Protein backbone atom coordinates (compact mmCIF):
# COMPACT_ATOMS: atom_id res chain seq x y z
CA MET A 1 129.52 124.40 131.02
CA ARG A 2 126.59 125.10 128.55
CA LEU A 3 127.54 127.33 125.62
CA ALA A 4 123.96 128.54 124.25
CA ARG A 5 123.08 131.61 121.86
CA LEU A 6 120.36 134.20 121.86
CA LEU A 7 118.30 136.38 119.46
CA THR A 8 118.03 139.60 120.61
CA PRO A 9 116.30 142.75 118.96
CA GLU A 10 119.98 144.01 118.51
CA GLY A 11 120.98 140.62 116.72
CA PRO A 12 122.55 136.90 118.01
CA ILE A 13 124.53 136.62 121.13
CA GLU A 14 126.49 134.08 122.46
CA GLY A 15 127.51 133.03 125.51
CA ARG A 16 127.55 130.67 129.06
CA TYR A 17 124.01 129.54 129.36
CA GLU A 18 123.20 129.77 133.39
CA ASP A 19 119.68 129.29 135.25
CA GLY A 20 117.45 130.76 132.16
CA THR A 21 120.28 133.13 131.22
CA VAL A 22 123.13 133.83 128.70
CA VAL A 23 126.12 135.17 130.40
CA ALA A 24 128.03 137.17 127.13
CA ASP A 25 131.20 139.28 127.16
CA ASP A 26 128.69 142.68 127.17
CA GLY A 27 126.26 141.23 129.91
CA VAL A 28 124.12 138.90 131.28
CA TYR A 29 120.82 138.26 128.94
CA GLU A 30 117.73 136.62 130.20
CA VAL A 31 115.96 134.17 128.20
CA GLY A 32 112.42 134.81 127.11
CA THR A 33 112.58 138.15 128.35
CA ASP A 34 115.78 139.70 126.35
CA GLY A 35 115.31 136.88 123.51
CA ARG A 36 114.66 133.76 122.43
CA LEU A 37 116.92 130.76 122.04
CA LEU A 38 118.93 130.02 118.93
CA ALA A 39 120.14 126.77 117.79
CA PRO A 40 123.00 126.79 119.56
CA CYS A 41 125.84 126.38 116.32
CA GLU A 42 125.75 127.22 113.01
CA PRO A 43 126.64 124.57 110.89
CA SER A 44 127.83 124.41 107.33
CA ALA A 45 126.28 120.99 107.16
CA LEU A 46 124.94 118.01 109.60
CA TYR A 47 126.22 114.61 109.37
CA CYS A 48 123.29 112.30 110.23
CA VAL A 49 123.96 108.92 110.73
CA GLY A 50 121.33 106.22 110.69
CA ARG A 51 120.87 102.29 111.46
CA ASN A 52 123.27 102.71 114.46
CA TYR A 53 121.20 100.96 116.84
CA ALA A 54 120.78 97.12 116.80
CA GLU A 55 116.98 97.71 117.92
CA THR A 56 116.62 99.92 114.98
CA LEU A 57 117.58 97.31 112.54
CA ASP A 58 115.30 94.61 114.50
CA GLN A 59 112.54 96.88 113.68
CA MET A 60 113.09 98.13 110.44
CA SER A 61 114.30 94.86 108.96
CA TYR A 62 117.47 96.72 108.14
CA GLU A 63 121.04 94.70 107.32
CA ARG A 64 123.41 95.75 109.91
CA PRO A 65 126.19 97.85 107.83
CA GLU A 66 129.63 97.34 107.42
CA GLU A 67 130.78 100.98 108.44
CA PRO A 68 128.45 104.17 109.38
CA ASP A 69 125.48 104.77 107.44
CA PHE A 70 124.72 108.46 106.86
CA PHE A 71 123.48 111.07 105.01
CA ILE A 72 122.92 115.34 105.17
CA LYS A 73 120.68 117.86 106.10
CA PRO A 74 121.42 121.37 105.18
CA PRO A 75 121.64 124.35 107.59
CA THR A 76 117.99 125.75 106.46
CA SER A 77 116.81 122.83 108.25
CA LEU A 78 117.36 123.81 111.70
CA ARG A 79 114.75 125.07 114.41
CA ALA A 80 115.71 126.00 117.61
CA HIS A 81 114.67 124.92 121.26
CA GLY A 82 111.15 125.84 121.65
CA GLU A 83 110.56 126.53 117.85
CA SER A 84 107.49 124.86 116.00
CA ILE A 85 107.76 122.17 113.54
CA PRO A 86 105.77 122.82 110.87
CA TYR A 87 103.76 119.51 109.32
CA PRO A 88 104.47 119.64 105.75
CA GLU A 89 101.48 120.01 103.79
CA TRP A 90 103.09 116.91 101.25
CA THR A 91 103.40 114.41 103.60
CA GLU A 92 101.18 112.42 105.69
CA GLU A 93 103.71 110.77 107.78
CA LEU A 94 106.01 112.68 110.15
CA THR A 95 107.96 110.92 112.49
CA TYR A 96 110.56 112.06 115.15
CA ALA A 97 114.15 110.55 116.48
CA GLY A 98 116.21 111.74 119.25
CA GLU A 99 119.40 111.89 119.03
CA LEU A 100 122.87 112.97 120.69
CA VAL A 101 125.11 115.30 118.45
CA ALA A 102 128.61 116.40 118.78
CA VAL A 103 129.69 120.16 117.44
CA ILE A 104 132.92 120.63 116.12
CA ASP A 105 135.13 123.00 117.38
CA GLU A 106 137.76 123.70 115.20
CA ARG A 107 138.41 122.81 110.84
CA CYS A 108 139.67 119.48 110.89
CA ARG A 109 140.20 116.13 108.55
CA ASP A 110 141.62 112.77 108.74
CA LEU A 111 140.92 112.13 112.31
CA GLU A 112 141.88 109.08 114.22
CA PRO A 113 139.55 108.38 116.95
CA GLY A 114 141.57 109.05 119.61
CA GLU A 115 141.92 112.72 118.28
CA VAL A 116 138.34 112.84 118.20
CA PRO A 117 137.66 114.46 121.78
CA ASP A 118 140.31 117.51 121.04
CA VAL A 119 138.12 118.57 117.95
CA VAL A 120 134.65 118.84 119.80
CA ARG A 121 133.34 121.36 121.09
CA GLY A 122 130.64 119.89 122.79
CA TYR A 123 127.14 117.78 122.95
CA THR A 124 123.71 118.77 121.87
CA ILE A 125 120.37 117.11 120.57
CA MET A 126 118.62 116.67 117.53
CA ASN A 127 115.37 115.62 116.54
CA ASP A 128 115.75 113.87 112.96
CA VAL A 129 112.43 114.46 111.84
CA ASP A 130 111.21 112.38 108.81
CA ALA A 131 108.74 112.35 106.33
CA LEU A 132 108.46 108.66 105.83
CA ASP A 133 106.28 108.56 102.94
CA GLN A 134 108.77 110.78 100.36
CA VAL A 135 111.26 109.04 98.23
CA GLY A 136 114.75 108.96 99.03
CA ARG A 137 116.21 110.04 102.23
CA THR A 138 116.75 113.64 100.91
CA ALA A 139 113.32 114.28 100.48
CA ARG A 140 112.40 112.42 103.69
CA LYS A 141 114.80 114.26 105.78
CA ALA A 142 116.44 117.32 104.83
CA PHE A 143 113.52 119.70 104.10
CA ASP A 144 113.28 122.90 106.02
CA GLY A 145 112.40 122.71 109.56
CA SER A 146 113.64 118.62 110.16
CA ALA A 147 116.36 119.11 112.01
CA PRO A 148 115.42 120.65 115.54
CA LEU A 149 119.06 121.31 117.60
CA GLY A 150 119.44 122.80 121.19
CA PRO A 151 118.70 123.92 123.82
CA TRP A 152 122.45 124.51 124.48
CA ILE A 153 126.29 122.83 123.95
CA GLU A 154 127.01 120.79 127.21
CA THR A 155 131.34 120.92 126.97
CA ASP A 156 131.60 118.26 130.10
CA VAL A 157 129.92 114.81 128.77
CA ASP A 158 131.16 111.59 128.16
CA PRO A 159 129.09 110.12 124.71
CA PHE A 160 130.04 106.80 125.54
CA ASP A 161 126.78 105.88 128.15
CA VAL A 162 124.31 108.39 128.11
CA GLU A 163 120.65 108.06 128.79
CA MET A 164 117.82 109.44 126.68
CA GLU A 165 114.20 109.13 126.64
CA THR A 166 111.67 110.97 123.85
CA PHE A 167 108.25 111.75 125.20
CA VAL A 168 105.52 112.89 123.37
CA ASP A 169 102.99 115.05 125.08
CA ASP A 170 103.15 112.77 128.33
CA GLU A 171 103.64 109.37 126.45
CA ARG A 172 107.21 107.95 126.65
CA ARG A 173 108.26 106.80 123.01
CA GLN A 174 112.02 105.93 123.18
CA GLU A 175 114.06 104.77 125.82
CA ALA A 176 117.96 103.80 125.52
CA THR A 177 121.38 104.48 126.32
CA THR A 178 124.19 105.39 123.95
CA GLU A 179 126.27 102.06 125.21
CA LEU A 180 123.51 100.26 122.75
CA MET A 181 125.32 101.94 119.28
CA LEU A 182 127.20 100.07 116.66
CA PHE A 183 129.32 102.37 115.82
CA ASP A 184 130.49 104.77 119.01
CA PRO A 185 131.09 108.44 118.65
CA HIS A 186 134.74 108.75 118.23
CA GLU A 187 134.35 106.16 115.66
CA ILE A 188 131.61 107.91 113.63
CA VAL A 189 133.57 111.27 113.77
CA SER A 190 136.66 109.60 112.62
CA HIS A 191 134.97 108.21 109.66
CA LEU A 192 133.60 111.13 108.58
CA SER A 193 136.23 113.26 108.69
CA ARG A 194 137.97 111.27 106.21
CA ARG A 195 135.10 112.25 103.85
CA PHE A 196 134.27 115.47 104.64
CA THR A 197 136.72 118.58 105.94
CA LEU A 198 134.85 119.18 109.16
CA ARG A 199 134.07 122.83 109.86
CA PRO A 200 133.61 124.51 113.45
CA GLY A 201 129.87 124.67 114.37
CA ASP A 202 129.53 121.25 111.94
CA CYS A 203 127.14 118.98 113.77
CA ILE A 204 127.36 115.10 113.62
CA ALA A 205 124.30 113.03 114.77
CA PHE A 206 124.72 109.69 116.06
CA GLY A 207 121.62 107.73 115.29
CA SER A 208 118.53 106.95 117.44
CA PRO A 209 117.07 104.18 118.93
CA ALA A 210 114.25 102.28 117.02
CA ASN A 211 111.67 104.29 115.06
CA PRO A 212 108.90 105.46 117.70
CA GLY A 213 106.27 106.50 115.49
CA LEU A 214 104.32 109.38 114.05
CA VAL A 215 103.56 112.51 115.04
CA GLU A 216 100.21 114.83 114.58
CA PRO A 217 99.82 118.68 114.58
CA GLY A 218 99.65 119.70 118.55
CA GLN A 219 101.67 117.29 119.58
CA THR A 220 105.01 118.50 121.60
CA VAL A 221 107.94 116.04 121.54
CA SER A 222 110.52 116.14 124.17
CA ILE A 223 113.92 114.65 123.92
CA THR A 224 115.97 114.29 126.92
CA TYR A 225 119.86 112.96 127.16
CA GLU A 226 121.43 112.73 130.15
CA GLY A 227 123.87 115.11 131.19
CA VAL A 228 123.11 117.21 128.31
CA GLY A 229 119.44 118.49 128.48
CA THR A 230 116.10 118.82 127.01
CA LEU A 231 115.00 119.87 123.48
CA GLU A 232 111.60 120.14 123.18
CA ASN A 233 109.18 121.69 120.27
CA THR A 234 105.88 121.41 119.21
CA VAL A 235 104.23 120.27 115.38
CA VAL A 236 102.11 122.37 114.36
CA ASP A 237 99.80 122.57 111.04
CA ALA A 238 101.27 125.40 109.38
CA ALA A 239 103.57 126.25 106.55
CA PHE A 240 107.33 126.89 107.36
CA PRO A 241 107.52 130.79 107.52
C-alpha cells in the first residue's frame, strides 16, 4: 500500500495513493487538480547514513567504518516530489544521491535488529543534496531544500535487495542494489535507536552508491527504487522561498 500526503486549498490531507489520487477519510482527491503532493511524512529529524557502500569508499578514498557513520538533516531541508531544488548562491558544487529511506511509525528506542520491522511504517526515497565545496557535513548537507523526499511511503517492501537507478535528464548516473550495503537497514535503525528516541514520521536514509557527479540549474534528477517509486525534482537557479 502507498501512503501519501496532499496539500489542498483547505490544508494538508493524507491517505492511500491509488492511480493518481489520494483516498482520504473524507473523499478522493486527484493529484494535480485538487492539490500537490507533500513530503509523505513530517519527521522531527532525518537521520542519514554515509559511507555505506564499498563503491563509495573506493571512489572517495574513505576508510571502511566500524559502525554506521551518520549525520542529521532538519525538517526545513524537506522538499516534496515535483518541487524544484533551488541551487544555493553560495556553492559551485551541487550534487545529489539516491537513497532508500525507512519511515518510523511509533515512538521507540533501544531496538534489536529483529524488532525493526515492527516499528517501520514503510519506505520512501530521498535525494541527499550536497554542496561539496562547503566545510563540514552540516554546511554541506543540512541546508534548506537539501532533502527532497517522496513521492509516497510504500508499506510492502523488503529493503534487503532493492534495485535502484538515478537519472539526470536522460543519463543514468547510478545503478545498484541495497544488497551492496555495508550495514543493512535493520542494523542501521537499531544502531540509531540506541542513541536517539525515534518518533513517528522520523526518517532514516541508508546511504547511496558512489557519488554520481554534479548537477546544474535546469537538470532533472529522477531516483527510482524498485517496488517503491520514483522521486523526481528539477534543479533551478532561484532562491529558496
